[in-house]
PDB file of N, CA and C in Angstrom:
ATOM      1  N   MET A   1      22.102   5.317  -9.429  1.00  0.00           N
ATOM      2  CA  MET A   1      20.694   5.932  -9.715  1.00  0.00           C
ATOM      3  C   MET A   1      19.955   5.226  -8.702  1.00  0.00           C
ATOM      4  N   GLU A   2      19.496   6.148  -7.422  1.00  0.00           N
ATOM      5  CA  GLU A   2      18.495   5.581  -6.986  1.00  0.00           C
ATOM      6  C   GLU A   2      16.859   5.940  -6.947  1.00  0.00           C
ATOM      7  N   ILE A   3      16.202   5.170  -6.876  1.00  0.00           N
ATOM      8  CA  ILE A   3      14.620   5.728  -6.597  1.00  0.00           C
ATOM      9  C   ILE A   3      13.812   5.534  -5.466  1.00  0.00           C
ATOM     10  N   LYS A   4      13.591   6.650  -5.477  1.00  0.00           N
ATOM     11  CA  LYS A   4      11.982   6.637  -3.937  1.00  0.00           C
ATOM     12  C   LYS A   4      10.604   7.282  -4.274  1.00  0.00           C
ATOM     13  N   ILE A   5      10.185   5.895  -4.420  1.00  0.00           N
ATOM     14  CA  ILE A   5       9.129   6.175  -4.030  1.00  0.00           C
ATOM     15  C   ILE A   5       7.764   7.256  -3.366  1.00  0.00           C
ATOM     16  N   ILE A   6       7.815   8.321  -3.522  1.00  0.00           N
ATOM     17  CA  ILE A   6       7.055   8.938  -2.394  1.00  0.00           C
ATOM     18  C   ILE A   6       5.778   8.923  -1.771  1.00  0.00           C
ATOM     19  N   GLU A   7       4.957   9.217  -3.024  1.00  0.00           N
ATOM     20  CA  GLU A   7       3.322   8.722  -2.875  1.00  0.00           C
ATOM     21  C   GLU A   7       3.131   7.423  -4.172  1.00  0.00           C
ATOM     22  N   LYS A   8       2.062   6.555  -3.545  1.00  0.00           N
ATOM     23  CA  LYS A   8       1.151   5.681  -4.356  1.00  0.00           C
ATOM     24  C   LYS A   8      -0.092   5.910  -4.803  1.00  0.00           C
ATOM     25  N   LYS A   9      -0.504   6.350  -5.832  1.00  0.00           N
ATOM     26  CA  LYS A   9      -2.251   6.670  -5.167  1.00  0.00           C
ATOM     27  C   LYS A   9      -3.056   5.674  -6.232  1.00  0.00           C
ATOM     28  N   GLU A  10      -3.888   5.296  -6.161  1.00  0.00           N
ATOM     29  CA  GLU A  10      -4.507   4.056  -7.281  1.00  0.00           C
ATOM     30  C   GLU A  10      -5.916   5.041  -7.984  1.00  0.00           C
ATOM     31  N   ASN A  11      -6.003   5.274  -8.614  1.00  0.00           N
ATOM     32  CA  ASN A  11      -6.771   5.831  -9.323  1.00  0.00           C
ATOM     33  C   ASN A  11      -8.122   5.348 -10.610  1.00  0.00           C
ATOM     34  N   PRO A  12      -8.989   5.179 -10.011  1.00  0.00           N
ATOM     35  CA  PRO A  12     -10.046   4.107 -10.159  1.00  0.00           C
ATOM     36  C   PRO A  12     -10.749   3.965 -12.204  1.00  0.00           C
ATOM     37  N   LEU A  13     -10.708   5.488 -12.196  1.00  0.00           N
ATOM     38  CA  LEU A  13     -11.501   6.419 -12.543  1.00  0.00           C
ATOM     39  C   LEU A  13     -10.506   5.901 -14.096  1.00  0.00           C
ATOM     40  N   LEU A  14      -9.413   6.319 -14.238  1.00  0.00           N
ATOM     41  CA  LEU A  14      -8.922   6.209 -15.398  1.00  0.00           C
ATOM     42  C   LEU A  14      -7.828   4.746 -15.350  1.00  0.00           C
ATOM     43  N   ASN A  15      -8.539   3.741 -14.542  1.00  0.00           N
ATOM     44  CA  ASN A  15      -7.662   2.162 -14.519  1.00  0.00           C
ATOM     45  C   ASN A  15      -6.233   2.403 -14.626  1.00  0.00           C
ATOM     46  N   ARG A  16      -6.006   3.206 -13.362  1.00  0.00           N
ATOM     47  CA  ARG A  16      -4.493   2.860 -13.580  1.00  0.00           C
ATOM     48  C   ARG A  16      -3.994   3.252 -11.876  1.00  0.00           C
ATOM     49  N   THR A  17      -2.752   3.162 -11.678  1.00  0.00           N
ATOM     50  CA  THR A  17      -2.045   3.919 -10.476  1.00  0.00           C
ATOM     51  C   THR A  17      -0.597   4.622 -10.361  1.00  0.00           C
ATOM     52  N   GLU A  18      -1.162   6.181  -9.784  1.00  0.00           N
ATOM     53  CA  GLU A  18      -0.085   7.082 -10.265  1.00  0.00           C
ATOM     54  C   GLU A  18       0.981   6.710  -9.169  1.00  0.00           C
ATOM     55  N   ILE A  19       2.301   7.373  -9.363  1.00  0.00           N
ATOM     56  CA  ILE A  19       3.584   6.889  -8.464  1.00  0.00           C
ATOM     57  C   ILE A  19       4.362   8.542  -9.133  1.00  0.00           C
ATOM     58  N   LYS A  20       4.312   8.755  -7.592  1.00  0.00           N
ATOM     59  CA  LYS A  20       4.880   9.829  -7.600  1.00  0.00           C
ATOM     60  C   LYS A  20       6.751   9.416  -6.799  1.00  0.00           C
ATOM     61  N   PHE A  21       7.214   9.959  -7.740  1.00  0.00           N
ATOM     62  CA  PHE A  21       9.096   9.301  -7.091  1.00  0.00           C
ATOM     63  C   PHE A  21      10.378  10.430  -6.621  1.00  0.00           C
ATOM     64  N   GLU A  22      11.383  10.105  -6.206  1.00  0.00           N
ATOM     65  CA  GLU A  22      11.931  10.815  -6.257  1.00  0.00           C
ATOM     66  C   GLU A  22      13.401  10.097  -6.574  1.00  0.00           C
ATOM     67  N   CYS A  23      14.484  10.469  -7.524  1.00  0.00           N
ATOM     68  CA  CYS A  23      15.505   9.692  -8.347  1.00  0.00           C
ATOM     69  C   CYS A  23      16.481  11.181  -7.656  1.00  0.00           C
ATOM     70  N   GLU A  24      17.111   9.745  -7.037  1.00  0.00           N
ATOM     71  CA  GLU A  24      18.477  10.838  -6.556  1.00  0.00           C
ATOM     72  C   GLU A  24      19.781  10.061  -7.755  1.00  0.00           C
ATOM     73  N   TYR A  25      20.996  10.762  -8.047  1.00  0.00           N
ATOM     74  CA  TYR A  25      21.637  10.403  -9.192  1.00  0.00           C
ATOM     75  C   TYR A  25      23.002  11.477  -8.647  1.00  0.00           C
ATOM     76  N   PRO A  26      24.126  10.639  -7.475  1.00  0.00           N
ATOM     77  CA  PRO A  26      24.356  11.892  -6.865  1.00  0.00           C
ATOM     78  C   PRO A  26      25.873  11.028  -8.235  1.00  0.00           C
ATOM     79  N   ALA A  27      26.511  12.382  -8.846  1.00  0.00           N
ATOM     80  CA  ALA A  27      28.089  12.380  -9.551  1.00  0.00           C
ATOM     81  C   ALA A  27      27.243  11.630 -11.252  1.00  0.00           C
ATOM     82  N   GLU A  28      26.132  11.939 -11.061  1.00  0.00           N
ATOM     83  CA  GLU A  28      26.150  11.462 -12.462  1.00  0.00           C
ATOM     84  C   GLU A  28      25.278  12.425 -13.047  1.00  0.00           C
ATOM     85  N   GLY A  29      25.257  12.151 -14.720  1.00  0.00           N
ATOM     86  CA  GLY A  29      23.855  13.446 -15.099  1.00  0.00           C
ATOM     87  C   GLY A  29      22.700  13.006 -14.646  1.00  0.00           C
ATOM     88  N   THR A  30      21.324  13.830 -15.365  1.00  0.00           N
ATOM     89  CA  THR A  30      19.827  13.827 -14.923  1.00  0.00           C
ATOM     90  C   THR A  30      20.188  12.659 -16.037  1.00  0.00           C
ATOM     91  N   PRO A  31      19.434  11.261 -15.201  1.00  0.00           N
ATOM     92  CA  PRO A  31      19.338   9.992 -16.206  1.00  0.00           C
ATOM     93  C   PRO A  31      18.583  10.353 -17.108  1.00  0.00           C
ATOM     94  N   ASN A  32      18.083   9.774 -18.492  1.00  0.00           N
ATOM     95  CA  ASN A  32      17.011   9.936 -18.900  1.00  0.00           C
ATOM     96  C   ASN A  32      15.407   9.226 -18.685  1.00  0.00           C
ATOM     97  N   ILE A  33      14.778   9.441 -19.681  1.00  0.00           N
ATOM     98  CA  ILE A  33      13.206   8.516 -18.879  1.00  0.00           C
ATOM     99  C   ILE A  33      13.081   7.511 -19.401  1.00  0.00           C
ATOM    100  N   LEU A  34      13.880   6.629 -20.054  1.00  0.00           N
ATOM    101  CA  LEU A  34      13.860   5.223 -20.053  1.00  0.00           C
ATOM    102  C   LEU A  34      14.477   4.655 -19.325  1.00  0.00           C
ATOM    103  N   ASP A  35      16.174   4.998 -18.575  1.00  0.00           N
ATOM    104  CA  ASP A  35      16.418   4.186 -17.855  1.00  0.00           C
ATOM    105  C   ASP A  35      16.182   4.490 -16.523  1.00  0.00           C
ATOM    106  N   VAL A  36      15.272   5.387 -16.047  1.00  0.00           N
ATOM    107  CA  VAL A  36      13.784   5.543 -14.965  1.00  0.00           C
ATOM    108  C   VAL A  36      13.194   4.848 -14.756  1.00  0.00           C
ATOM    109  N   LYS A  37      12.089   4.409 -16.501  1.00  0.00           N
ATOM    110  CA  LYS A  37      11.468   3.591 -16.466  1.00  0.00           C
ATOM    111  C   LYS A  37      11.487   2.118 -15.922  1.00  0.00           C
ATOM    112  N   HIS A  38      12.528   1.763 -16.837  1.00  0.00           N
ATOM    113  CA  HIS A  38      13.671   0.330 -16.640  1.00  0.00           C
ATOM    114  C   HIS A  38      13.172   0.073 -14.618  1.00  0.00           C
ATOM    115  N   LYS A  39      13.814   0.859 -14.400  1.00  0.00           N
ATOM    116  CA  LYS A  39      13.765   0.932 -12.880  1.00  0.00           C
ATOM    117  C   LYS A  39      12.639   1.168 -12.057  1.00  0.00           C
ATOM    118  N   LEU A  40      12.095   2.116 -12.391  1.00  0.00           N
ATOM    119  CA  LEU A  40      10.562   1.845 -11.708  1.00  0.00           C
ATOM    120  C   LEU A  40       9.780   0.487 -12.241  1.00  0.00           C
ATOM    121  N   VAL A  41       9.771  -0.186 -13.120  1.00  0.00           N
ATOM    122  CA  VAL A  41       9.406  -1.388 -13.716  1.00  0.00           C
ATOM    123  C   VAL A  41       9.905  -2.665 -12.513  1.00  0.00           C
ATOM    124  N   ALA A  42      11.214  -2.643 -12.525  1.00  0.00           N
ATOM    125  CA  ALA A  42      11.553  -3.602 -11.676  1.00  0.00           C
ATOM    126  C   ALA A  42      11.005  -3.309 -10.408  1.00  0.00           C
ATOM    127  N   LEU A  43      11.280  -1.762  -9.660  1.00  0.00           N
ATOM    128  CA  LEU A  43      10.526  -1.786  -8.124  1.00  0.00           C
ATOM    129  C   LEU A  43       9.186  -2.040  -8.207  1.00  0.00           C
ATOM    130  N   GLU A  44       8.072  -1.791  -8.901  1.00  0.00           N
ATOM    131  CA  GLU A  44       7.124  -2.108  -9.321  1.00  0.00           C
ATOM    132  C   GLU A  44       6.113  -3.414  -9.651  1.00  0.00           C
ATOM    133  N   ASP A  45       7.631  -4.091  -9.799  1.00  0.00           N
ATOM    134  CA  ASP A  45       7.253  -5.479 -10.647  1.00  0.00           C
ATOM    135  C   ASP A  45       6.212  -5.312 -11.873  1.00  0.00           C
ATOM    136  N   SER A  46       6.155  -4.439 -12.856  1.00  0.00           N
ATOM    137  CA  SER A  46       5.210  -4.076 -13.554  1.00  0.00           C
ATOM    138  C   SER A  46       5.660  -4.728 -14.556  1.00  0.00           C
ATOM    139  N   SER A  47       4.726  -4.163 -15.740  1.00  0.00           N
ATOM    140  CA  SER A  47       4.968  -4.915 -17.219  1.00  0.00           C
ATOM    141  C   SER A  47       5.450  -3.553 -17.964  1.00  0.00           C
ATOM    142  N   ASN A  48       6.806  -3.722 -18.943  1.00  0.00           N
ATOM    143  CA  ASN A  48       7.643  -2.564 -19.681  1.00  0.00           C
ATOM    144  C   ASN A  48       5.903  -1.714 -20.369  1.00  0.00           C
ATOM    145  N   ASP A  49       5.621  -2.562 -20.432  1.00  0.00           N
ATOM    146  CA  ASP A  49       4.714  -2.257 -21.791  1.00  0.00           C
ATOM    147  C   ASP A  49       3.114  -1.232 -21.318  1.00  0.00           C
ATOM    148  N   LEU A  50       2.874  -1.697 -19.785  1.00  0.00           N
ATOM    149  CA  LEU A  50       2.375  -1.046 -18.911  1.00  0.00           C
ATOM    150  C   LEU A  50       2.354   0.661 -18.115  1.00  0.00           C
ATOM    151  N   LEU A  51       3.814   0.727 -17.928  1.00  0.00           N
ATOM    152  CA  LEU A  51       4.178   1.899 -17.205  1.00  0.00           C
ATOM    153  C   LEU A  51       4.714   2.861 -17.949  1.00  0.00           C
ATOM    154  N   VAL A  52       4.614   4.481 -17.859  1.00  0.00           N
ATOM    155  CA  VAL A  52       5.129   5.585 -18.610  1.00  0.00           C
ATOM    156  C   VAL A  52       5.599   6.374 -17.420  1.00  0.00           C
ATOM    157  N   VAL A  53       6.549   6.772 -17.763  1.00  0.00           N
ATOM    158  CA  VAL A  53       6.937   8.040 -16.896  1.00  0.00           C
ATOM    159  C   VAL A  53       6.391   9.263 -17.893  1.00  0.00           C
ATOM    160  N   ASP A  54       5.364  10.067 -17.036  1.00  0.00           N
ATOM    161  CA  ASP A  54       5.125  11.531 -17.329  1.00  0.00           C
ATOM    162  C   ASP A  54       5.805  12.166 -17.052  1.00  0.00           C
ATOM    163  N   ASN A  55       6.627  12.701 -16.241  1.00  0.00           N
ATOM    164  CA  ASN A  55       7.246  13.768 -15.840  1.00  0.00           C
ATOM    165  C   ASN A  55       8.291  13.623 -15.368  1.00  0.00           C
ATOM    166  N   MET A  56       9.640  14.278 -15.129  1.00  0.00           N
ATOM    167  CA  MET A  56      10.950  14.114 -14.787  1.00  0.00           C
ATOM    168  C   MET A  56      10.719  16.052 -14.448  1.00  0.00           C
ATOM    169  N   LYS A  57      11.120  16.184 -13.334  1.00  0.00           N
ATOM    170  CA  LYS A  57      11.944  17.265 -13.159  1.00  0.00           C
ATOM    171  C   LYS A  57      13.391  17.525 -11.947  1.00  0.00           C
ATOM    172  N   PRO A  58      14.405  18.199 -12.739  1.00  0.00           N
ATOM    173  CA  PRO A  58      15.475  17.545 -11.808  1.00  0.00           C
ATOM    174  C   PRO A  58      15.259  19.348 -10.867  1.00  0.00           C
ATOM    175  N   ASN A  59      15.780  18.810  -9.696  1.00  0.00           N
ATOM    176  CA  ASN A  59      16.411  20.199  -8.669  1.00  0.00           C
ATOM    177  C   ASN A  59      16.870  20.979  -9.280  1.00  0.00           C
ATOM    178  N   TYR A  60      17.021  22.330  -8.828  1.00  0.00           N
ATOM    179  CA  TYR A  60      18.372  22.789  -9.103  1.00  0.00           C
ATOM    180  C   TYR A  60      19.002  22.979  -7.888  1.00  0.00           C
ATOM    181  N   GLY A  61      20.536  22.643  -8.457  1.00  0.00           N
ATOM    182  CA  GLY A  61      21.313  22.618  -7.483  1.00  0.00           C
ATOM    183  C   GLY A  61      21.940  21.509  -6.805  1.00  0.00           C
ATOM    184  N   VAL A  62      20.795  20.357  -7.275  1.00  0.00           N
ATOM    185  CA  VAL A  62      21.173  19.305  -6.042  1.00  0.00           C
ATOM    186  C   VAL A  62      20.858  18.209  -7.304  1.00  0.00           C
ATOM    187  N   ALA A  63      21.514  16.979  -6.819  1.00  0.00           N
ATOM    188  CA  ALA A  63      21.176  16.015  -7.633  1.00  0.00           C
ATOM    189  C   ALA A  63      20.321  15.410  -7.773  1.00  0.00           C
ATOM    190  N   THR A  64      19.175  14.859  -7.986  1.00  0.00           N
ATOM    191  CA  THR A  64      18.118  14.692  -7.983  1.00  0.00           C
ATOM    192  C   THR A  64      16.609  15.137  -8.502  1.00  0.00           C
ATOM    193  N   ALA A  65      15.445  14.453  -8.841  1.00  0.00           N
ATOM    194  CA  ALA A  65      14.692  15.019  -9.755  1.00  0.00           C
ATOM    195  C   ALA A  65      13.285  14.436  -8.861  1.00  0.00           C
ATOM    196  N   VAL A  66      12.341  15.236  -8.841  1.00  0.00           N
ATOM    197  CA  VAL A  66      11.087  14.355  -8.903  1.00  0.00           C
ATOM    198  C   VAL A  66      10.184  14.440 -10.049  1.00  0.00           C
ATOM    199  N   GLY A  67       9.316  13.157 -10.203  1.00  0.00           N
ATOM    200  CA  GLY A  67       9.075  12.685 -11.648  1.00  0.00           C
ATOM    201  C   GLY A  67       7.670  12.077 -10.976  1.00  0.00           C
ATOM    202  N   LEU A  68       6.381  11.835 -11.958  1.00  0.00           N
ATOM    203  CA  LEU A  68       5.073  11.217 -11.682  1.00  0.00           C
ATOM    204  C   LEU A  68       5.504  10.270 -13.021  1.00  0.00           C
ATOM    205  N   ALA A  69       4.946   8.940 -12.576  1.00  0.00           N
ATOM    206  CA  ALA A  69       4.614   7.874 -13.646  1.00  0.00           C
ATOM    207  C   ALA A  69       2.902   7.214 -12.861  1.00  0.00           C
ATOM    208  N   LYS A  70       2.910   6.720 -14.198  1.00  0.00           N
ATOM    209  CA  LYS A  70       1.743   5.784 -14.206  1.00  0.00           C
ATOM    210  C   LYS A  70       1.897   4.512 -14.836  1.00  0.00           C
ATOM    211  N   ILE A  71       0.978   3.547 -13.879  1.00  0.00           N
ATOM    212  CA  ILE A  71       0.693   1.867 -14.554  1.00  0.00           C
ATOM    213  C   ILE A  71      -0.595   2.103 -14.933  1.00  0.00           C
ATOM    214  N   TYR A  72      -1.122   1.602 -16.024  1.00  0.00           N
ATOM    215  CA  TYR A  72      -2.298   1.671 -16.531  1.00  0.00           C
ATOM    216  C   TYR A  72      -2.566  -0.048 -16.275  1.00  0.00           C
ATOM    217  N   ASP A  73      -3.474  -0.872 -16.254  1.00  0.00           N
ATOM    218  CA  ASP A  73      -4.739  -1.937 -16.339  1.00  0.00           C
ATOM    219  C   ASP A  73      -3.908  -2.701 -17.581  1.00  0.00           C
ATOM    220  N   SER A  74      -4.262  -1.851 -18.864  1.00  0.00           N
ATOM    221  CA  SER A  74      -4.404  -2.347 -20.074  1.00  0.00           C
ATOM    222  C   SER A  74      -3.866  -1.295 -20.937  1.00  0.00           C
ATOM    223  N   ILE A  75      -3.609  -1.877 -21.976  1.00  0.00           N
ATOM    224  CA  ILE A  75      -2.764  -1.050 -23.154  1.00  0.00           C
ATOM    225  C   ILE A  75      -4.100  -0.603 -23.912  1.00  0.00           C
ATOM    226  N   GLU A  76      -4.935  -0.672 -23.679  1.00  0.00           N
ATOM    227  CA  GLU A  76      -6.113  -0.268 -24.589  1.00  0.00           C
ATOM    228  C   GLU A  76      -6.402   0.956 -23.701  1.00  0.00           C
ATOM    229  N   LYS A  77      -6.594   1.148 -22.683  1.00  0.00           N
ATOM    230  CA  LYS A  77      -6.633   2.633 -21.922  1.00  0.00           C
ATOM    231  C   LYS A  77      -4.776   3.411 -21.488  1.00  0.00           C
ATOM    232  N   LEU A  78      -3.811   2.695 -21.734  1.00  0.00           N
ATOM    233  CA  LEU A  78      -2.886   4.011 -22.574  1.00  0.00           C
ATOM    234  C   LEU A  78      -3.400   4.577 -23.220  1.00  0.00           C
ATOM    235  N   ASN A  79      -3.162   3.379 -24.052  1.00  0.00           N
ATOM    236  CA  ASN A  79      -3.427   4.554 -25.396  1.00  0.00           C
ATOM    237  C   ASN A  79      -4.221   5.742 -25.898  1.00  0.00           C
ATOM    238  N   GLU A  80      -5.553   4.967 -24.719  1.00  0.00           N
ATOM    239  CA  GLU A  80      -6.623   6.054 -24.745  1.00  0.00           C
ATOM    240  C   GLU A  80      -6.447   7.348 -24.051  1.00  0.00           C
ATOM    241  N   ILE A  81      -5.726   7.237 -23.346  1.00  0.00           N
ATOM    242  CA  ILE A  81      -5.659   8.493 -21.838  1.00  0.00           C
ATOM    243  C   ILE A  81      -4.636   9.511 -22.457  1.00  0.00           C
ATOM    244  N   GLU A  82      -3.598   8.379 -22.698  1.00  0.00           N
ATOM    245  CA  GLU A  82      -1.748   8.969 -22.809  1.00  0.00           C
ATOM    246  C   GLU A  82      -1.885   9.910 -23.930  1.00  0.00           C
ATOM    247  N   THR A  83      -1.139  10.993 -23.953  1.00  0.00           N
ATOM    248  CA  THR A  83      -0.873  11.973 -25.388  1.00  0.00           C
ATOM    249  C   THR A  83       0.188  11.117 -26.281  1.00  0.00           C
ATOM    250  N   LYS A  84       0.341  11.275 -27.133  1.00  0.00           N
ATOM    251  CA  LYS A  84       1.171  10.833 -28.569  1.00  0.00           C
ATOM    252  C   LYS A  84       2.593  11.208 -27.923  1.00  0.00           C
ATOM    253  N   ALA A  85       2.683  11.918 -27.611  1.00  0.00           N
ATOM    254  CA  ALA A  85       4.089  12.641 -26.884  1.00  0.00           C
ATOM    255  C   ALA A  85       4.825  11.913 -25.917  1.00  0.00           C
ATOM    256  N   VAL A  86       4.068  11.408 -24.990  1.00  0.00           N
ATOM    257  CA  VAL A  86       4.429  10.858 -24.047  1.00  0.00           C
ATOM    258  C   VAL A  86       4.118   9.435 -24.173  1.00  0.00           C
ATOM    259  N   ILE A  87       3.503   8.886 -25.060  1.00  0.00           N
ATOM    260  CA  ILE A  87       3.914   7.563 -25.260  1.00  0.00           C
ATOM    261  C   ILE A  87       5.143   7.421 -26.387  1.00  0.00           C
ATOM    262  N   ALA A  88       5.052   8.117 -26.893  1.00  0.00           N
ATOM    263  CA  ALA A  88       6.757   8.397 -27.705  1.00  0.00           C
ATOM    264  C   ALA A  88       8.095   8.579 -26.486  1.00  0.00           C
ATOM    265  N   LYS A  89       7.916   9.464 -25.726  1.00  0.00           N
ATOM    266  CA  LYS A  89       9.104   9.411 -24.601  1.00  0.00           C
ATOM    267  C   LYS A  89       9.679   7.644 -24.064  1.00  0.00           C
ATOM    268  N   ASN A  90       8.702   7.206 -23.990  1.00  0.00           N
ATOM    269  CA  ASN A  90       8.515   6.181 -23.453  1.00  0.00           C
ATOM    270  C   ASN A  90       8.715   4.846 -24.262  1.00  0.00           C
ATOM    271  N   GLU A  91       8.759   5.005 -25.322  1.00  0.00           N
ATOM    272  CA  GLU A  91       8.905   3.850 -26.186  1.00  0.00           C
ATOM    273  C   GLU A  91      10.234   3.440 -26.566  1.00  0.00           C
ATOM    274  N   GLU A  92      10.861   2.104 -26.326  1.00  0.00           N
ATOM    275  CA  GLU A  92      12.212   1.705 -26.504  1.00  0.00           C
ATOM    276  C   GLU A  92      12.830   2.408 -27.911  1.00  0.00           C
ATOM    277  N   PRO A  93      14.220   2.529 -27.945  1.00  0.00           N
ATOM    278  CA  PRO A  93      14.415   2.692 -29.439  1.00  0.00           C
ATOM    279  C   PRO A  93      14.503   1.605 -30.468  1.00  0.00           C
ATOM    280  N   ALA A  94      14.190   1.669 -31.600  1.00  0.00           N
ATOM    281  CA  ALA A  94      13.425   0.314 -32.220  1.00  0.00           C
ATOM    282  C   ALA A  94      14.712   0.005 -32.858  1.00  0.00           C
ATOM    283  N   GLU A  95      15.172  -1.309 -32.844  1.00  0.00           N
ATOM    284  CA  GLU A  95      16.358  -2.105 -33.370  1.00  0.00           C
ATOM    285  C   GLU A  95      17.021  -2.113 -34.604  1.00  0.00           C
ATOM    286  N   GLU A  96      16.698  -1.272 -35.422  1.00  0.00           N
ATOM    287  CA  GLU A  96      16.590  -0.873 -37.146  1.00  0.00           C
ATOM    288  C   GLU A  96      17.182   0.372 -36.880  1.00  0.00           C
ATOM    289  N   VAL A  97      17.496   1.278 -35.933  1.00  0.00           N
ATOM    290  CA  VAL A  97      17.627   2.439 -35.970  1.00  0.00           C
ATOM    291  C   VAL A  97      19.233   2.507 -35.930  1.00  0.00           C
ATOM    292  N   ALA A  98      19.592   1.099 -34.634  1.00  0.00           N
ATOM    293  CA  ALA A  98      20.835   0.744 -34.113  1.00  0.00           C
ATOM    294  C   ALA A  98      21.545  -0.070 -34.987  1.00  0.00           C
ATOM    295  N   GLU A  99      20.752  -0.806 -35.982  1.00  0.00           N
ATOM    296  CA  GLU A  99      21.591  -1.521 -36.821  1.00  0.00           C
ATOM    297  C   GLU A  99      22.013  -0.671 -38.036  1.00  0.00           C
ATOM    298  N   GLU A 100      20.890   0.994 -38.391  1.00  0.00           N
ATOM    299  CA  GLU A 100      21.392   1.611 -39.543  1.00  0.00           C
ATOM    300  C   GLU A 100      22.773   2.542 -38.359  1.00  0.00           C
ATOM    301  N   ALA A 101      23.030   3.135 -37.698  1.00  0.00           N
ATOM    302  CA  ALA A 101      24.178   3.452 -37.164  1.00  0.00           C
ATOM    303  C   ALA A 101      24.892   2.891 -37.144  1.00  0.00           C
ATOM    304  N   GLU A 102      25.009   1.467 -37.046  1.00  0.00           N
ATOM    305  CA  GLU A 102      26.563   0.389 -37.432  1.00  0.00           C
ATOM    306  C   GLU A 102      26.757   0.194 -38.242  1.00  0.00           C
ATOM    307  N   ASP A 103      26.002   0.468 -39.652  1.00  0.00           N
ATOM    308  CA  ASP A 103      26.142   0.003 -40.969  1.00  0.00           C
ATOM    309  C   ASP A 103      26.715   1.285 -41.362  1.00  0.00           C
ATOM    310  N   ALA A 104      26.705   2.594 -40.533  1.00  0.00           N
ATOM    311  CA  ALA A 104      27.346   3.737 -40.894  1.00  0.00           C
ATOM    312  C   ALA A 104      28.325   4.611 -40.832  1.00  0.00           C
ATOM    313  N   GLU A 105      28.918   3.582 -39.607  1.00  0.00           N
ATOM    314  CA  GLU A 105      30.143   3.541 -39.524  1.00  0.00           C
ATOM    315  C   GLU A 105      30.866   2.542 -40.459  1.00  0.00           C
TER     316      GLU A 105
END
């Protein structure tokens, strides 16, 4: 999976940086949001807690997707502005869930 940043825009009113990106994933399925988030955190040298991937839209017939990510200046601003659904899909899975799955096997 390769990510290219198309546009990077500062939004001082909302204390965030908005990033439009294109994700290429030849011979793979569409990557999940957490995989893309980890790659963007590494590219932007940002904190995992301050970056959210808002949306990703796959292009029909091509192994690419275009998306929007946001890097906030603080956790407080992120929680104040973003919806609960966006925050939930960007959260890391809890370790307890993984442990319960191992116990069930």
